[in-house]
Amino acid sequence: MNKLTKIECFIVGWKPEVLKNCREVSYAMLKKYTAAITILSIIWGIIGWCLADNYLTIQSWYGKVITVTVFVAVIVCIERYIILTHGKLIALKIFRTFLAVLMSVLGSTVFDQIVFKNDVNIQMKEIRTTQINAEIPKRTLLIDNEIQDISGTIDSITNVNQALYDEINKNPVIRDVHVSTTRRQVGTDDKGTAKYETDRTVTQGSVPNPKIEQAQKNEKLLKEYRTRIEDLQNRKLNIATEVRAEYEKANSGFLEELGALYSLLGSNWIVRLFYIFLFLFLMFLELLVLTTKGSDNCDYELLLDFQLKQRKKELEALDQ
């Protein structure tokens, strides 16, 4: 048995020691299984590479190789599970068919996003334009609400200041009464204790109305609010540019491009036809091993069945 056959046995999961006792039909079956697994491994290796490159943001080549290895290992394990199963395959066939449909949908979707990349990008621009047109009024409304709140505050402070200025005009200065006391010694009593008297001095004058200071503080606050409104109005003028810049800088994700692809599928019958063709192609490839497994058994599997029956008889004899 040459090295190539041993490698094929490793891929499929067969024992070279058992295969030595088989005829040519088992070797042919081995090559069929190997060819089917190789085809699927190549296809899913490409899918794994594309996913790693476009959507998993893996930049290094070894990271992409690891991703490809994982995809190929999963495919080999799935096909080995089918090949190495003995007995009735009804439940396994149903399960593998459903799995083939799911894998075909995923595979055809990834391939379509690559094949129709330029068309998907055009569709993505249309979708993002719609999103931008919907986002601009939302942000503009938020700014308008904030401007309206600040304007209300400005009106309220302005009314308060107007009342203050009216009062200040009537009474620019107010009377200020200052009372001071001084204590002085006026003598001593019979015991020699000092006696004190308190002198109270009242002075009158005028000072600026203290509400002038309050009005000045309000004016400073009004200036800050007006500056805030100017900033908001300038931002409102630039909001369309800001939103477009945000959406243009944002990276498109797998699900977003998937939505663009299916939007394209719904609007273009050529893309839809190609997707169906690719889906069926991948699904039939996924079912290659299962179809081969459902054909007549080769003497390798017959030999395994014979060994199983013989072992069962030996165990039953020992039990008796």
Protein backbone atom coordinates (compact mmCIF):
# COMPACT_ATOMS: atom_id res chain seq x y z
CA MET A 1 0.00 0.00 0.00
CA ASN A 2 1.52 3.30 -1.10
CA LYS A 3 1.72 6.51 0.95
CA LEU A 4 -1.03 8.22 -1.05
CA THR A 5 -3.50 5.49 -0.13
CA LYS A 6 -2.50 5.79 3.53
CA ILE A 7 -3.11 9.54 3.37
CA GLU A 8 -6.52 8.91 1.80
CA CYS A 9 -7.30 6.42 4.57
CA PHE A 10 -6.35 9.07 7.15
CA ILE A 11 -8.65 11.63 5.54
CA VAL A 12 -11.60 9.26 5.28
CA GLY A 13 -10.99 7.51 8.60
CA TRP A 14 -10.46 4.00 7.27
CA LYS A 15 -7.93 1.55 8.68
CA PRO A 16 -5.17 0.65 6.17
CA GLU A 17 -4.86 -2.78 7.85
CA VAL A 18 -8.48 -3.57 7.02
CA LEU A 19 -8.24 -2.12 3.51
CA LYS A 20 -5.37 -4.51 2.66
CA ASN A 21 -7.82 -7.41 2.73
CA CYS A 22 -10.29 -5.69 0.39
CA ARG A 23 -10.74 -5.78 -3.37
CA GLU A 24 -10.47 -2.99 -5.92
CA VAL A 25 -14.03 -1.74 -5.36
CA SER A 26 -13.08 -0.59 -1.84
CA TYR A 27 -10.10 1.31 -3.22
CA ALA A 28 -12.43 2.98 -5.74
CA MET A 29 -14.85 3.88 -2.94
CA LEU A 30 -11.94 5.32 -0.94
CA LYS A 31 -10.99 7.56 -3.83
CA LYS A 32 -14.62 8.71 -4.21
CA TYR A 33 -14.80 9.68 -0.55
CA THR A 34 -11.41 11.42 -0.73
CA ALA A 35 -12.41 13.36 -3.84
CA ALA A 36 -15.69 14.49 -2.27
CA ILE A 37 -13.98 15.59 0.96
CA THR A 38 -11.22 17.35 -1.00
CA ILE A 39 -13.75 19.30 -3.08
CA LEU A 40 -15.68 20.37 0.02
CA SER A 41 -12.47 21.25 1.87
CA ILE A 42 -11.30 23.48 -0.99
CA ILE A 43 -14.66 25.26 -1.19
CA TRP A 44 -14.98 25.79 2.56
CA GLY A 45 -11.33 26.74 2.81
CA ILE A 46 -12.02 29.55 0.34
CA ILE A 47 -15.15 30.54 2.30
CA GLY A 48 -13.14 30.57 5.54
CA TRP A 49 -10.43 32.73 3.97
CA CYS A 50 -13.01 35.20 2.62
CA LEU A 51 -14.76 35.43 5.98
CA ALA A 52 -11.47 36.00 7.79
CA ASP A 53 -10.36 38.61 5.26
CA ASN A 54 -13.59 40.57 4.84
CA TYR A 55 -15.57 40.20 8.06
CA LEU A 56 -13.41 38.84 10.90
CA THR A 57 -10.84 41.65 10.38
CA ILE A 58 -7.96 39.18 10.46
CA GLN A 59 -5.05 40.84 8.68
CA SER A 60 -2.23 38.34 9.19
CA TRP A 61 -1.85 35.47 6.74
CA TYR A 62 -1.34 32.94 9.54
CA GLY A 63 -4.58 34.04 11.16
CA LYS A 64 -6.40 33.40 7.89
CA VAL A 65 -4.65 30.03 7.57
CA ILE A 66 -5.85 29.09 11.06
CA THR A 67 -9.41 30.06 10.09
CA VAL A 68 -9.18 27.97 6.91
CA THR A 69 -7.81 25.04 8.92
CA VAL A 70 -10.73 25.21 11.35
CA PHE A 71 -13.27 25.25 8.49
CA VAL A 72 -11.59 22.34 6.71
CA ALA A 73 -11.31 20.34 9.95
CA VAL A 74 -15.05 20.79 10.61
CA ILE A 75 -15.90 19.60 7.08
CA VAL A 76 -13.63 16.56 7.36
CA CYS A 77 -15.16 15.65 10.75
CA ILE A 78 -18.72 15.97 9.41
CA GLU A 79 -18.01 13.80 6.38
CA ARG A 80 -16.08 11.26 8.46
CA TYR A 81 -19.08 11.00 10.76
CA ILE A 82 -21.20 9.98 7.80
CA ILE A 83 -18.63 7.64 6.23
CA LEU A 84 -17.88 5.78 9.47
CA THR A 85 -21.55 5.30 10.39
CA HIS A 86 -22.84 1.75 9.99
CA GLY A 87 -26.40 0.51 9.89
CA LYS A 88 -29.53 2.45 8.96
CA LEU A 89 -28.90 5.96 7.67
CA ILE A 90 -32.46 7.36 7.51
CA ALA A 91 -32.12 9.77 10.46
CA LEU A 92 -28.58 10.63 9.44
CA LYS A 93 -29.67 11.38 5.86
CA ILE A 94 -32.41 13.72 7.08
CA PHE A 95 -30.01 15.49 9.44
CA ARG A 96 -27.27 15.79 6.81
CA THR A 97 -29.75 17.12 4.24
CA PHE A 98 -30.86 19.89 6.56
CA LEU A 99 -27.25 20.63 7.43
CA ALA A 100 -26.40 20.73 3.71
CA VAL A 101 -29.15 23.29 3.12
CA LEU A 102 -27.89 25.51 5.96
CA MET A 103 -24.27 25.24 4.83
CA SER A 104 -25.25 25.93 1.23
CA VAL A 105 -27.13 29.07 2.22
CA LEU A 106 -24.11 30.30 4.17
CA GLY A 107 -21.64 29.37 1.43
CA SER A 108 -23.66 30.81 -1.44
CA THR A 109 -24.25 34.00 0.55
CA VAL A 110 -20.52 34.49 1.15
CA PHE A 111 -19.67 33.74 -2.49
CA ASP A 112 -22.41 36.06 -3.76
CA GLN A 113 -21.14 38.90 -1.57
CA ILE A 114 -17.73 38.45 -3.17
CA VAL A 115 -18.91 37.94 -6.76
CA PHE A 116 -21.37 40.86 -6.59
CA LYS A 117 -19.17 43.02 -4.38
CA ASN A 118 -19.45 46.10 -6.61
CA ASP A 119 -23.22 45.72 -6.88
CA VAL A 120 -23.48 45.20 -3.12
CA ASN A 121 -21.43 48.37 -2.57
CA ILE A 122 -23.82 50.33 -4.79
CA GLN A 123 -26.77 48.89 -2.88
CA MET A 124 -25.02 49.73 0.39
CA LYS A 125 -24.65 53.36 -0.72
CA GLU A 126 -28.37 53.53 -1.46
CA ILE A 127 -29.22 52.00 1.91
CA ARG A 128 -26.89 54.36 3.74
CA THR A 129 -28.28 57.33 1.85
CA THR A 130 -31.73 56.35 3.12
CA GLN A 131 -30.34 55.98 6.65
CA ILE A 132 -28.63 59.39 6.42
CA ASN A 133 -31.81 61.06 5.19
CA ALA A 134 -33.68 59.53 8.12
CA GLU A 135 -30.99 60.40 10.67
CA ILE A 136 -30.57 64.09 9.77
CA PRO A 137 -34.15 65.12 10.77
CA LYS A 138 -33.80 63.19 14.06
CA ARG A 139 -30.65 65.03 15.05
CA THR A 140 -32.01 68.34 13.78
CA LEU A 141 -35.10 67.86 15.95
CA LEU A 142 -32.94 67.25 19.02
CA ILE A 143 -31.01 70.47 18.36
CA ASP A 144 -34.22 72.42 17.75
CA ASN A 145 -35.64 71.16 21.06
CA GLU A 146 -32.47 72.21 22.88
CA ILE A 147 -32.54 75.66 21.21
CA GLN A 148 -36.18 76.04 22.18
CA ASP A 149 -35.42 75.17 25.82
CA ILE A 150 -32.54 77.65 25.98
CA SER A 151 -34.63 80.34 24.27
CA GLY A 152 -37.31 79.85 26.90
CA THR A 153 -34.71 80.28 29.64
CA ILE A 154 -33.39 83.44 27.92
CA ASP A 155 -36.90 84.91 27.74
CA SER A 156 -37.46 84.18 31.41
CA ILE A 157 -34.18 85.79 32.50
CA THR A 158 -34.81 88.76 30.19
CA ASN A 159 -38.21 89.37 31.81
CA VAL A 160 -36.62 89.19 35.25
CA ASN A 161 -33.91 91.64 34.22
CA GLN A 162 -36.45 94.03 32.73
CA ALA A 163 -38.22 94.14 36.08
CA LEU A 164 -34.89 94.71 37.82
CA TYR A 165 -33.96 97.56 35.47
CA ASP A 166 -37.35 99.23 36.03
CA GLU A 167 -36.77 99.13 39.74
CA ILE A 168 -33.17 100.30 39.37
CA ASN A 169 -34.32 103.27 37.26
CA LYS A 170 -36.72 104.27 40.00
CA ASN A 171 -34.22 103.75 42.80
CA PRO A 172 -30.67 103.89 41.46
CA VAL A 173 -29.42 104.36 45.01
CA ILE A 174 -30.87 103.29 48.34
CA ARG A 175 -30.60 104.79 51.80
CA ASP A 176 -27.96 103.16 53.93
CA VAL A 177 -28.17 103.47 57.75
CA HIS A 178 -25.10 102.43 59.70
CA VAL A 179 -25.18 102.11 63.47
CA SER A 180 -21.93 101.85 65.44
CA THR A 181 -21.34 101.55 69.19
CA THR A 182 -18.32 102.46 71.28
CA ARG A 183 -17.61 101.62 74.92
CA ARG A 184 -15.76 104.01 77.22
CA GLN A 185 -14.82 104.03 80.89
CA VAL A 186 -16.45 106.77 82.98
CA GLY A 187 -15.01 106.05 86.41
CA THR A 188 -15.04 103.46 89.19
CA ASP A 189 -17.48 102.44 91.89
CA ASP A 190 -16.85 102.27 95.68
CA LYS A 191 -15.12 98.96 95.30
CA GLY A 192 -12.82 100.23 92.59
CA THR A 193 -14.56 98.43 89.73
CA ALA A 194 -14.48 100.32 86.42
CA LYS A 195 -17.70 101.78 85.09
CA TYR A 196 -18.42 101.88 81.35
CA GLU A 197 -20.87 103.68 79.11
CA THR A 198 -21.83 102.79 75.55
CA ASP A 199 -22.08 105.50 72.92
CA ARG A 200 -24.30 104.76 69.89
CA THR A 201 -23.55 106.54 66.62
CA VAL A 202 -25.95 106.51 63.66
CA THR A 203 -24.69 107.50 60.22
CA GLN A 204 -26.80 107.78 57.12
CA GLY A 205 -25.79 107.68 53.46
CA SER A 206 -26.67 106.23 50.10
CA VAL A 207 -25.27 103.22 48.17
CA PRO A 208 -25.93 101.84 44.66
CA ASN A 209 -28.95 99.61 44.44
CA PRO A 210 -27.71 95.99 45.05
CA LYS A 211 -30.04 94.75 42.34
CA ILE A 212 -27.64 96.29 39.82
CA GLU A 213 -25.15 93.51 40.64
CA GLN A 214 -27.88 90.88 40.25
CA ALA A 215 -28.85 92.32 36.86
CA GLN A 216 -25.20 92.23 35.74
CA LYS A 217 -24.95 88.57 36.70
CA ASN A 218 -28.08 87.86 34.69
CA GLU A 219 -26.60 89.69 31.69
CA LYS A 220 -23.50 87.50 31.88
CA LEU A 221 -25.69 84.42 32.02
CA LEU A 222 -27.71 85.64 29.04
CA LYS A 223 -24.52 86.10 27.05
CA GLU A 224 -23.50 82.50 27.75
CA TYR A 225 -26.92 81.20 26.68
CA ARG A 226 -26.84 83.25 23.45
CA THR A 227 -23.38 81.88 22.66
CA ARG A 228 -24.73 78.37 23.24
CA ILE A 229 -27.58 79.03 20.81
CA GLU A 230 -25.14 80.28 18.17
CA ASP A 231 -23.07 77.10 18.58
CA LEU A 232 -26.17 74.95 18.21
CA GLN A 233 -27.29 76.83 15.11
CA ASN A 234 -23.84 76.39 13.54
CA ARG A 235 -23.95 72.71 14.41
CA LYS A 236 -27.39 72.47 12.85
CA LEU A 237 -25.99 73.89 9.62
CA ASN A 238 -23.17 71.32 9.63
CA ILE A 239 -25.21 68.35 10.82
CA ALA A 240 -25.76 66.92 7.34
CA THR A 241 -22.01 66.91 6.69
CA GLU A 242 -21.34 65.32 10.10
CA VAL A 243 -23.87 62.54 9.58
CA ARG A 244 -22.55 61.74 6.09
CA ALA A 245 -18.98 61.65 7.42
CA GLU A 246 -19.99 59.29 10.24
CA TYR A 247 -21.72 56.86 7.90
CA GLU A 248 -18.89 56.99 5.36
CA LYS A 249 -16.25 56.24 8.01
CA ALA A 250 -18.26 53.39 9.56
CA ASN A 251 -17.16 49.94 8.40
CA SER A 252 -19.86 47.77 6.88
CA GLY A 253 -20.51 44.55 8.77
CA PHE A 254 -21.46 41.10 7.52
CA LEU A 255 -25.13 41.45 8.43
CA GLU A 256 -25.33 44.91 6.86
CA GLU A 257 -23.86 43.65 3.59
CA LEU A 258 -26.09 40.58 3.86
CA GLY A 259 -29.11 42.88 4.00
CA ALA A 260 -27.82 44.75 0.95
CA LEU A 261 -27.32 41.45 -0.87
CA TYR A 262 -30.85 40.24 -0.21
CA SER A 263 -32.20 43.63 -1.16
CA LEU A 264 -30.30 43.20 -4.42
CA LEU A 265 -31.70 39.68 -4.80
CA GLY A 266 -35.20 41.03 -4.49
CA SER A 267 -34.68 43.67 -7.15
CA ASN A 268 -32.54 41.84 -9.72
CA TRP A 269 -33.66 38.50 -11.22
CA ILE A 270 -30.18 37.80 -12.66
CA VAL A 271 -28.61 37.95 -9.21
CA ARG A 272 -31.47 35.86 -7.83
CA LEU A 273 -30.99 33.22 -10.54
CA PHE A 274 -27.23 33.09 -9.93
CA TYR A 275 -27.79 32.73 -6.18
CA ILE A 276 -30.17 29.81 -6.71
CA PHE A 277 -27.68 28.17 -9.09
CA LEU A 278 -24.82 28.59 -6.61
CA PHE A 279 -27.00 27.37 -3.73
CA LEU A 280 -27.97 24.17 -5.59
CA PHE A 281 -24.38 23.62 -6.69
CA LEU A 282 -23.10 23.80 -3.11
CA MET A 283 -25.96 21.69 -1.74
CA PHE A 284 -25.36 18.89 -4.24
CA LEU A 285 -21.66 18.98 -3.40
CA GLU A 286 -22.52 18.79 0.30
CA LEU A 287 -24.57 15.64 -0.40
CA LEU A 288 -21.83 13.90 -2.43
CA VAL A 289 -20.56 11.82 0.47
CA LEU A 290 -24.07 11.01 1.67
CA THR A 291 -25.09 9.90 -1.84
CA THR A 292 -21.99 7.76 -2.17
CA LYS A 293 -22.62 6.29 1.27
CA GLY A 294 -26.16 5.36 0.25
CA SER A 295 -24.96 3.26 -2.70
CA ASP A 296 -24.04 -0.41 -2.48
CA ASN A 297 -21.57 -1.18 0.27
CA CYS A 298 -18.03 -2.05 -0.69
CA ASP A 299 -16.27 -5.07 0.75
CA TYR A 300 -14.49 -2.80 3.29
CA GLU A 301 -17.81 -2.05 4.96
CA LEU A 302 -18.99 -5.62 4.44
CA LEU A 303 -15.84 -6.78 6.19
CA LEU A 304 -16.52 -4.45 9.09
CA ASP A 305 -20.10 -5.72 9.28
CA PHE A 306 -18.85 -9.32 9.20
CA GLN A 307 -16.36 -8.61 12.00
CA LEU A 308 -19.11 -6.95 14.02
CA LYS A 309 -21.44 -9.95 13.60
CA GLN A 310 -18.66 -12.38 14.48
CA ARG A 311 -17.79 -10.38 17.58
CA LYS A 312 -21.44 -10.27 18.57
CA LYS A 313 -21.68 -14.07 18.28
CA GLU A 314 -18.52 -14.49 20.37
CA LEU A 315 -19.87 -12.25 23.10
CA GLU A 316 -23.23 -14.07 23.08
CA ALA A 317 -21.42 -17.39 23.37
CA LEU A 318 -19.40 -16.13 26.32
CA ASP A 319 -22.57 -14.88 27.98
CA GLN A 320 -24.14 -18.35 27.68
